[in-house]
């Protein structure tokens, strides 16, 4: 129950993060500048991200490292309201990314240690985070619309303080396997299956991170406000709960290639819907596909990387996964998405991503199918 409550509370911070770019727009940044603030600091911060996992696996001090990263995030969140220039915002975003990005993979690693051989049950614990997000994101949007967007940072800080308190109730790692030599970490980076999966993750998540960055702007450009954005994010988070709930059954029942193909097709339909039908009803309906394009995708990814990395390098594997999922892809999504959005508009940006994801999905699904025929998917 401790993990479920922790996820429920902590993921409310993700609801606050969803309004960051509204704040950036309110203080005068244009679409391309917003892209720079989201992308450039991440380039430097993500280079250090795998180090968090290496330190955790080597010293087996997951909870202590989590406390450091959450405390650092708390401090940077409280500094944000005092920065207004582009340079100041980029520096603070670097610090924010440096401390915030490792929190999720470190939390997941701790949960996977607790689950042991039952890692496919990850989604049943993660859905509590989606529940906390779903309940609060619309309320927060309404609150910010009626007040000022800078208040999101104070809400974020309060939730982090509560999360830090709950952290001490999470069980410590049960691992008996220790890493003897730091050179052993090279083994993680030599797994071809992992590298190919990370390439696939990078391309699809580039499109998703472009959406995360510019969907709030897309809503504003089509006549919406913070409350409508909150409703859209509530729908998406509600839909992902079902995906997390049944992810273990899906993982066990269906071939990995089929799951990946379903995810790729869902990405395509989601982006095409936003490209061709930029009206409120379709915008809201398209958020239902978040159940597959995020919920199922993320749960499957965590489980697959966990099996590929092995127990010894669990935190390292999850941090590498997160570095690509939330780091590299966020940089490319923010920069490339910002360039397309600035010069061609949101509809063209979503059309571009729809074409890219389905091509990538078909190629990778065929590759996985051939491996499955040889029983070589995980090696």
Protein backbone atom coordinates (compact mmCIF):
# COMPACT_ATOMS: atom_id res chain seq x y z
CA UNK A 1 0.00 0.00 0.00
CA UNK A 2 2.94 2.35 0.64
CA UNK A 3 3.96 2.34 -3.04
CA UNK A 4 0.38 3.00 -4.15
CA UNK A 5 -0.03 6.00 -1.85
CA UNK A 6 3.40 7.33 -2.80
CA UNK A 7 2.55 7.11 -6.53
CA UNK A 8 -0.87 8.68 -5.96
CA UNK A 9 0.67 11.73 -4.28
CA UNK A 10 3.88 12.13 -6.28
CA UNK A 11 2.23 12.03 -9.71
CA UNK A 12 0.22 15.10 -8.82
CA UNK A 13 3.50 16.92 -9.54
CA UNK A 14 3.15 15.70 -13.13
CA UNK A 15 -0.19 17.51 -13.28
CA UNK A 16 1.58 20.70 -12.24
CA UNK A 17 4.35 20.12 -14.77
CA UNK A 18 1.72 20.00 -17.52
CA UNK A 19 1.15 23.73 -17.02
CA UNK A 20 4.80 24.81 -17.16
CA UNK A 21 4.53 25.97 -20.77
CA UNK A 22 1.39 27.97 -20.02
CA UNK A 23 3.48 29.86 -17.49
CA UNK A 24 6.27 30.34 -20.04
CA UNK A 25 3.76 31.72 -22.55
CA UNK A 26 2.31 34.04 -19.87
CA UNK A 27 5.72 35.60 -19.17
CA UNK A 28 6.25 36.34 -22.87
CA UNK A 29 8.09 33.42 -24.48
CA UNK A 30 7.12 32.42 -28.02
CA UNK A 31 6.80 28.81 -29.28
CA UNK A 32 10.44 28.48 -30.33
CA UNK A 33 11.74 29.97 -27.06
CA UNK A 34 9.53 27.55 -25.12
CA UNK A 35 11.14 24.78 -27.14
CA UNK A 36 14.60 26.06 -26.23
CA UNK A 37 13.78 26.22 -22.53
CA UNK A 38 12.48 22.66 -22.64
CA UNK A 39 15.27 21.25 -24.80
CA UNK A 40 18.67 22.89 -24.33
CA UNK A 41 18.97 22.41 -20.53
CA UNK A 42 17.99 18.74 -20.93
CA UNK A 43 20.94 18.13 -23.26
CA UNK A 44 23.36 18.75 -20.41
CA UNK A 45 21.24 17.28 -17.62
CA UNK A 46 20.53 13.98 -19.35
CA UNK A 47 24.25 13.35 -19.86
CA UNK A 48 24.47 12.97 -16.10
CA UNK A 49 21.24 11.00 -15.70
CA UNK A 50 22.63 7.43 -16.05
CA UNK A 51 25.10 8.27 -13.29
CA UNK A 52 22.22 8.34 -10.79
CA UNK A 53 21.38 4.75 -11.69
CA UNK A 54 25.00 3.61 -11.58
CA UNK A 55 25.46 5.12 -8.11
CA UNK A 56 22.23 3.49 -6.92
CA UNK A 57 23.14 0.02 -8.23
CA UNK A 58 26.75 0.23 -7.02
CA UNK A 59 26.08 1.49 -3.49
CA UNK A 60 22.53 0.05 -3.21
CA UNK A 61 21.21 3.26 -1.69
CA UNK A 62 18.06 3.83 -3.75
CA UNK A 63 16.07 5.66 -1.09
CA UNK A 64 18.94 8.00 -0.18
CA UNK A 65 19.50 8.94 -3.83
CA UNK A 66 15.74 9.45 -4.22
CA UNK A 67 15.74 11.79 -1.24
CA UNK A 68 18.55 13.84 -2.79
CA UNK A 69 16.84 14.12 -6.17
CA UNK A 70 13.45 15.03 -4.69
CA UNK A 71 14.99 17.63 -2.38
CA UNK A 72 16.88 19.18 -5.30
CA UNK A 73 13.67 19.31 -7.32
CA UNK A 74 11.88 21.04 -4.45
CA UNK A 75 14.51 23.78 -4.28
CA UNK A 76 14.53 24.44 -8.04
CA UNK A 77 10.72 24.55 -8.21
CA UNK A 78 10.69 27.31 -5.60
CA UNK A 79 13.29 29.30 -7.59
CA UNK A 80 11.29 29.29 -10.86
CA UNK A 81 9.01 32.26 -9.97
CA UNK A 82 12.07 34.51 -9.57
CA UNK A 83 13.43 33.86 -13.08
CA UNK A 84 12.04 35.79 -16.06
CA UNK A 85 14.86 36.05 -18.59
CA UNK A 86 15.43 33.27 -21.13
CA UNK A 87 18.94 32.56 -19.79
CA UNK A 88 17.77 32.36 -16.18
CA UNK A 89 14.91 30.04 -17.09
CA UNK A 90 17.24 27.77 -19.05
CA UNK A 91 19.67 27.52 -16.12
CA UNK A 92 16.90 26.70 -13.64
CA UNK A 93 15.39 24.20 -16.07
CA UNK A 94 18.79 22.50 -16.22
CA UNK A 95 18.82 22.13 -12.43
CA UNK A 96 15.18 21.03 -12.43
CA UNK A 97 15.83 18.36 -15.09
CA UNK A 98 19.01 17.20 -13.38
CA UNK A 99 17.15 16.41 -10.15
CA UNK A 100 13.62 15.62 -11.37
CA UNK A 101 14.26 13.21 -14.24
CA UNK A 102 15.88 10.47 -12.10
CA UNK A 103 12.98 10.39 -9.62
CA UNK A 104 10.66 8.25 -11.75
CA UNK A 105 13.20 5.58 -12.79
CA UNK A 106 14.59 5.38 -9.25
CA UNK A 107 11.07 5.01 -7.86
CA UNK A 108 10.33 2.37 -10.49
CA UNK A 109 13.55 0.54 -9.69
CA UNK A 110 12.62 0.46 -6.01
CA UNK A 111 9.16 -0.88 -6.90
CA UNK A 112 10.61 -3.51 -9.25
CA UNK A 113 12.96 -4.65 -6.48
CA UNK A 114 9.90 -5.06 -4.28
CA UNK A 115 7.99 -6.98 -6.98
CA UNK A 116 10.91 -9.26 -7.86
CA UNK A 117 9.84 -11.88 -10.41
CA UNK A 118 6.37 -10.30 -10.62
CA UNK A 119 7.56 -7.22 -12.57
CA UNK A 120 4.62 -7.55 -14.98
CA UNK A 121 2.41 -6.34 -12.10
CA UNK A 122 4.13 -2.93 -12.28
CA UNK A 123 1.10 -1.36 -13.97
CA UNK A 124 -1.20 -2.16 -11.06
CA UNK A 125 0.95 -0.01 -8.80
CA UNK A 126 1.60 2.68 -11.39
CA UNK A 127 -2.12 3.22 -12.04
CA UNK A 128 -2.38 4.90 -8.64
CA UNK A 129 -0.14 7.65 -10.00
CA UNK A 130 -2.52 8.08 -12.92
CA UNK A 131 -5.41 8.25 -10.48
CA UNK A 132 -3.77 11.05 -8.49
CA UNK A 133 -2.98 12.90 -11.71
CA UNK A 134 -6.53 12.46 -13.05
CA UNK A 135 -8.23 13.73 -9.92
CA UNK A 136 -6.12 16.88 -9.62
CA UNK A 137 -5.18 18.01 -13.14
CA UNK A 138 -8.54 19.62 -14.04
CA UNK A 139 -8.87 21.18 -10.59
CA UNK A 140 -5.40 22.63 -10.93
CA UNK A 141 -6.23 23.97 -14.39
CA UNK A 142 -9.36 25.65 -13.06
CA UNK A 143 -7.39 27.06 -10.11
CA UNK A 144 -4.67 28.50 -12.37
CA UNK A 145 -7.22 29.95 -14.79
CA UNK A 146 -8.92 31.77 -11.90
CA UNK A 147 -5.66 32.93 -10.31
CA UNK A 148 -2.22 33.14 -11.97
CA UNK A 149 -0.11 30.43 -13.59
CA UNK A 150 2.88 31.04 -11.29
CA UNK A 151 0.91 29.34 -8.50
CA UNK A 152 1.63 25.98 -10.11
CA UNK A 153 5.13 26.07 -8.60
CA UNK A 154 3.79 26.47 -5.07
CA UNK A 155 1.36 23.59 -5.54
CA UNK A 156 4.24 21.52 -6.93
CA UNK A 157 6.38 22.31 -3.87
CA UNK A 158 3.68 21.29 -1.38
CA UNK A 159 3.17 17.93 -3.13
CA UNK A 160 6.92 17.30 -3.11
CA UNK A 161 7.09 17.90 0.63
CA UNK A 162 4.34 15.31 1.17
CA UNK A 163 6.12 12.89 -1.19
CA UNK A 164 9.36 13.26 0.77
CA UNK A 165 7.48 12.36 3.93
CA UNK A 166 5.96 9.25 2.29
CA UNK A 167 9.34 8.17 0.93
CA UNK A 168 10.51 6.97 4.34
CA UNK A 169 7.67 4.40 4.44
CA UNK A 170 8.73 2.69 1.21
CA UNK A 171 10.52 -0.64 1.73
CA UNK A 172 14.23 -0.81 1.05
CA UNK A 173 15.68 -2.88 -1.78
CA UNK A 174 15.78 -6.64 -1.13
CA UNK A 175 18.56 -7.33 -3.63
CA UNK A 176 21.36 -9.66 -2.58
CA UNK A 177 23.23 -9.38 -5.89
CA UNK A 178 25.94 -6.71 -5.81
CA UNK A 179 27.98 -5.06 -8.53
CA UNK A 180 31.63 -5.85 -7.78
CA UNK A 181 33.31 -3.88 -10.57
CA UNK A 182 32.19 -0.64 -12.19
CA UNK A 183 33.42 -2.02 -15.52
CA UNK A 184 30.53 -4.51 -15.34
CA UNK A 185 28.13 -1.69 -16.25
CA UNK A 186 29.42 -1.86 -19.82
CA UNK A 187 27.43 -5.07 -20.22
CA UNK A 188 24.17 -3.11 -20.12
CA UNK A 189 25.21 -0.97 -23.08
CA UNK A 190 26.26 -3.98 -25.17
CA UNK A 191 22.81 -5.58 -25.39
CA UNK A 192 21.60 -5.20 -28.98
CA UNK A 193 17.96 -5.80 -28.10
CA UNK A 194 18.09 -2.98 -25.57
CA UNK A 195 19.77 -0.57 -28.01
CA UNK A 196 17.23 -1.25 -30.77
CA UNK A 197 14.36 -0.86 -28.32
CA UNK A 198 15.77 2.46 -27.11
CA UNK A 199 15.97 3.70 -30.71
CA UNK A 200 12.31 2.82 -31.17
CA UNK A 201 11.46 4.52 -27.87
CA UNK A 202 13.40 7.60 -28.90
CA UNK A 203 11.46 8.12 -32.15
CA UNK A 204 7.97 7.53 -30.76
CA UNK A 205 8.66 9.50 -27.60
CA UNK A 206 10.06 12.39 -29.61
CA UNK A 207 6.56 12.76 -31.04
CA UNK A 208 4.99 12.38 -27.59
CA UNK A 209 7.30 14.93 -25.99
CA UNK A 210 6.59 17.39 -28.78
CA UNK A 211 2.93 16.89 -27.88
CA UNK A 212 3.62 17.41 -24.17
CA UNK A 213 5.43 20.66 -24.97
CA UNK A 214 3.03 22.14 -27.53
CA UNK A 215 -0.36 20.62 -26.78
CA UNK A 216 -1.07 23.39 -24.19
CA UNK A 217 -0.16 25.98 -26.85
CA UNK A 218 -2.26 24.09 -29.42
CA UNK A 219 -5.24 24.31 -27.04
CA UNK A 220 -4.76 28.07 -26.57
CA UNK A 221 -4.35 28.64 -30.32
CA UNK A 222 -7.70 26.95 -30.95
CA UNK A 223 -9.61 29.05 -28.44
CA UNK A 224 -9.23 26.93 -25.31
CA UNK A 225 -8.10 27.88 -21.83
CA UNK A 226 -6.41 26.20 -18.87
CA UNK A 227 -9.61 24.46 -17.77
CA UNK A 228 -10.10 22.83 -21.19
CA UNK A 229 -6.48 21.70 -21.08
CA UNK A 230 -7.17 20.26 -17.66
CA UNK A 231 -10.20 18.34 -18.97
CA UNK A 232 -8.14 16.95 -21.86
CA UNK A 233 -5.41 15.79 -19.48
CA UNK A 234 -8.02 14.30 -17.13
CA UNK A 235 -9.42 12.22 -19.99
CA UNK A 236 -5.95 11.03 -20.97
CA UNK A 237 -5.00 10.09 -17.41
CA UNK A 238 -8.33 8.31 -16.82
CA UNK A 239 -7.82 6.24 -19.95
CA UNK A 240 -4.30 5.18 -18.97
CA UNK A 241 -5.55 3.69 -15.70
CA UNK A 242 -7.21 0.82 -17.60
CA UNK A 243 -4.01 0.21 -19.55
CA UNK A 244 -1.95 0.01 -16.36
CA UNK A 245 -4.57 -2.23 -14.73
CA UNK A 246 -4.50 -4.82 -17.50
CA UNK A 247 -0.91 -4.37 -18.71
CA UNK A 248 0.30 -7.53 -16.95
CA UNK A 249 -2.34 -9.64 -18.71
CA UNK A 250 -1.52 -8.05 -22.07
CA UNK A 251 2.22 -8.64 -21.60
CA UNK A 252 1.64 -12.31 -20.75
CA UNK A 253 -0.98 -13.01 -23.42
CA UNK A 254 0.27 -11.28 -26.58
CA UNK A 255 3.49 -11.33 -28.54
CA UNK A 256 5.70 -8.31 -28.02
CA UNK A 257 5.66 -7.53 -31.75
CA UNK A 258 1.85 -7.33 -31.75
CA UNK A 259 1.83 -5.01 -28.73
CA UNK A 260 4.40 -2.74 -30.35
CA UNK A 261 2.42 -2.62 -33.60
CA UNK A 262 -0.78 -1.73 -31.70
CA UNK A 263 1.06 1.06 -29.88
CA UNK A 264 2.46 2.45 -33.15
CA UNK A 265 -0.94 2.46 -34.87
CA UNK A 266 -2.48 4.18 -31.85
CA UNK A 267 0.18 6.89 -32.01
CA UNK A 268 -0.61 7.41 -35.70
CA UNK A 269 -4.37 7.75 -35.16
CA UNK A 270 -3.86 10.12 -32.23
CA UNK A 271 -1.61 12.51 -34.15
CA UNK A 272 -3.70 12.33 -37.35
CA UNK A 273 -6.85 13.16 -35.37
CA UNK A 274 -5.23 16.31 -33.98
CA UNK A 275 -3.86 17.23 -37.41
CA UNK A 276 -7.01 16.84 -39.50
CA UNK A 277 -9.72 17.66 -36.94
CA UNK A 278 -8.56 20.52 -34.65
CA UNK A 279 -11.95 20.97 -32.97
CA UNK A 280 -12.72 20.57 -29.28
CA UNK A 281 -14.72 17.29 -29.42
CA UNK A 282 -12.07 15.48 -31.49
CA UNK A 283 -9.25 16.95 -29.41
CA UNK A 284 -10.87 15.52 -26.29
CA UNK A 285 -11.74 12.14 -27.85
CA UNK A 286 -8.18 11.72 -29.15
CA UNK A 287 -6.95 11.81 -25.55
CA UNK A 288 -8.48 8.37 -25.01
CA UNK A 289 -5.62 6.93 -27.06
CA UNK A 290 -3.29 8.00 -24.26
CA UNK A 291 -4.23 4.69 -22.65
CA UNK A 292 -2.16 2.90 -25.29
CA UNK A 293 0.35 5.55 -26.39
CA UNK A 294 1.43 6.20 -22.80
CA UNK A 295 -0.09 3.76 -20.29
CA UNK A 296 0.49 0.50 -22.12
CA UNK A 297 3.64 1.78 -23.82
CA UNK A 298 5.29 2.83 -20.58
CA UNK A 299 4.32 -0.31 -18.63
CA UNK A 300 5.54 -2.58 -21.43
CA UNK A 301 8.77 -0.59 -21.68
CA UNK A 302 9.53 -0.75 -17.96
CA UNK A 303 8.96 -4.52 -17.92
CA UNK A 304 10.99 -5.16 -21.08
CA UNK A 305 13.95 -3.03 -19.97
CA UNK A 306 13.82 -4.67 -16.55
CA UNK A 307 14.13 -8.14 -18.14
CA UNK A 308 16.87 -7.01 -20.51
CA UNK A 309 18.92 -5.28 -17.80
CA UNK A 310 18.71 -8.03 -15.20
CA UNK A 311 18.46 -7.71 -11.42
CA UNK A 312 22.04 -6.52 -10.95
CA UNK A 313 21.68 -3.47 -13.20
CA UNK A 314 18.00 -2.70 -12.60
CA UNK A 315 18.35 0.97 -11.59
CA UNK A 316 20.91 1.59 -14.32
CA UNK A 317 18.62 0.08 -16.96
CA UNK A 318 15.63 2.11 -15.80
CA UNK A 319 17.68 5.32 -15.77
CA UNK A 320 18.93 4.67 -19.30
CA UNK A 321 15.35 3.98 -20.36
CA UNK A 322 14.19 7.18 -18.69
CA UNK A 323 17.10 9.17 -20.16
CA UNK A 324 15.82 8.25 -23.62
CA UNK A 325 12.10 8.28 -22.77
CA UNK A 326 12.10 11.63 -20.95
CA UNK A 327 15.50 13.09 -21.84
CA UNK A 328 16.81 12.67 -25.37
CA UNK A 329 13.33 12.46 -26.85
CA UNK A 330 12.27 15.56 -24.92
CA UNK A 331 15.17 17.50 -26.41
CA UNK A 332 14.45 16.42 -29.99
CA UNK A 333 10.69 16.77 -29.54
CA UNK A 334 10.92 20.27 -28.12
CA UNK A 335 13.40 21.55 -30.72
CA UNK A 336 12.05 19.87 -33.85
CA UNK A 337 8.45 20.22 -32.74
CA UNK A 338 9.02 23.89 -31.90
CA UNK A 339 10.53 24.59 -35.30
CA UNK A 340 7.64 22.91 -37.15
CA UNK A 341 5.03 24.56 -34.92
CA UNK A 342 6.57 28.01 -35.26
CA UNK A 343 6.79 27.98 -39.06
CA UNK A 344 4.05 25.55 -40.18
CA UNK A 345 1.56 25.35 -37.30
CA UNK A 346 0.31 22.67 -34.95
CA UNK A 347 -1.68 20.73 -37.56
CA UNK A 348 1.41 20.19 -39.72
CA UNK A 349 3.45 19.18 -36.70
CA UNK A 350 0.99 16.44 -35.78
CA UNK A 351 0.77 15.25 -39.40
CA UNK A 352 4.56 14.92 -39.52
CA UNK A 353 4.67 12.86 -36.33
CA UNK A 354 1.82 10.62 -37.48
CA UNK A 355 3.75 9.62 -40.59
CA UNK A 356 7.03 9.10 -38.74
CA UNK A 357 5.62 6.89 -35.97
CA UNK A 358 3.79 4.45 -38.22
CA UNK A 359 6.83 3.94 -40.45
CA UNK A 360 9.00 3.33 -37.39
CA UNK A 361 6.42 1.02 -35.83
CA UNK A 362 6.13 -1.18 -38.90
CA UNK A 363 9.90 -1.58 -39.23
CA UNK A 364 10.45 -2.40 -35.56
CA UNK A 365 7.44 -4.75 -35.36
CA UNK A 366 8.76 -6.77 -38.31
CA UNK A 367 12.18 -6.96 -36.64
CA UNK A 368 10.60 -8.24 -33.42
CA UNK A 369 8.46 -10.74 -35.32
CA UNK A 370 11.58 -12.30 -36.85
CA UNK A 371 13.20 -12.51 -33.39
CA UNK A 372 10.08 -14.15 -31.96
CA UNK A 373 10.20 -16.79 -34.65
CA UNK A 374 13.71 -17.60 -33.38
CA UNK A 375 12.75 -17.17 -29.70
CA UNK A 376 15.29 -14.35 -29.29
CA UNK A 377 13.22 -11.36 -28.17
CA UNK A 378 14.97 -11.03 -24.79
CA UNK A 379 18.74 -11.62 -24.83
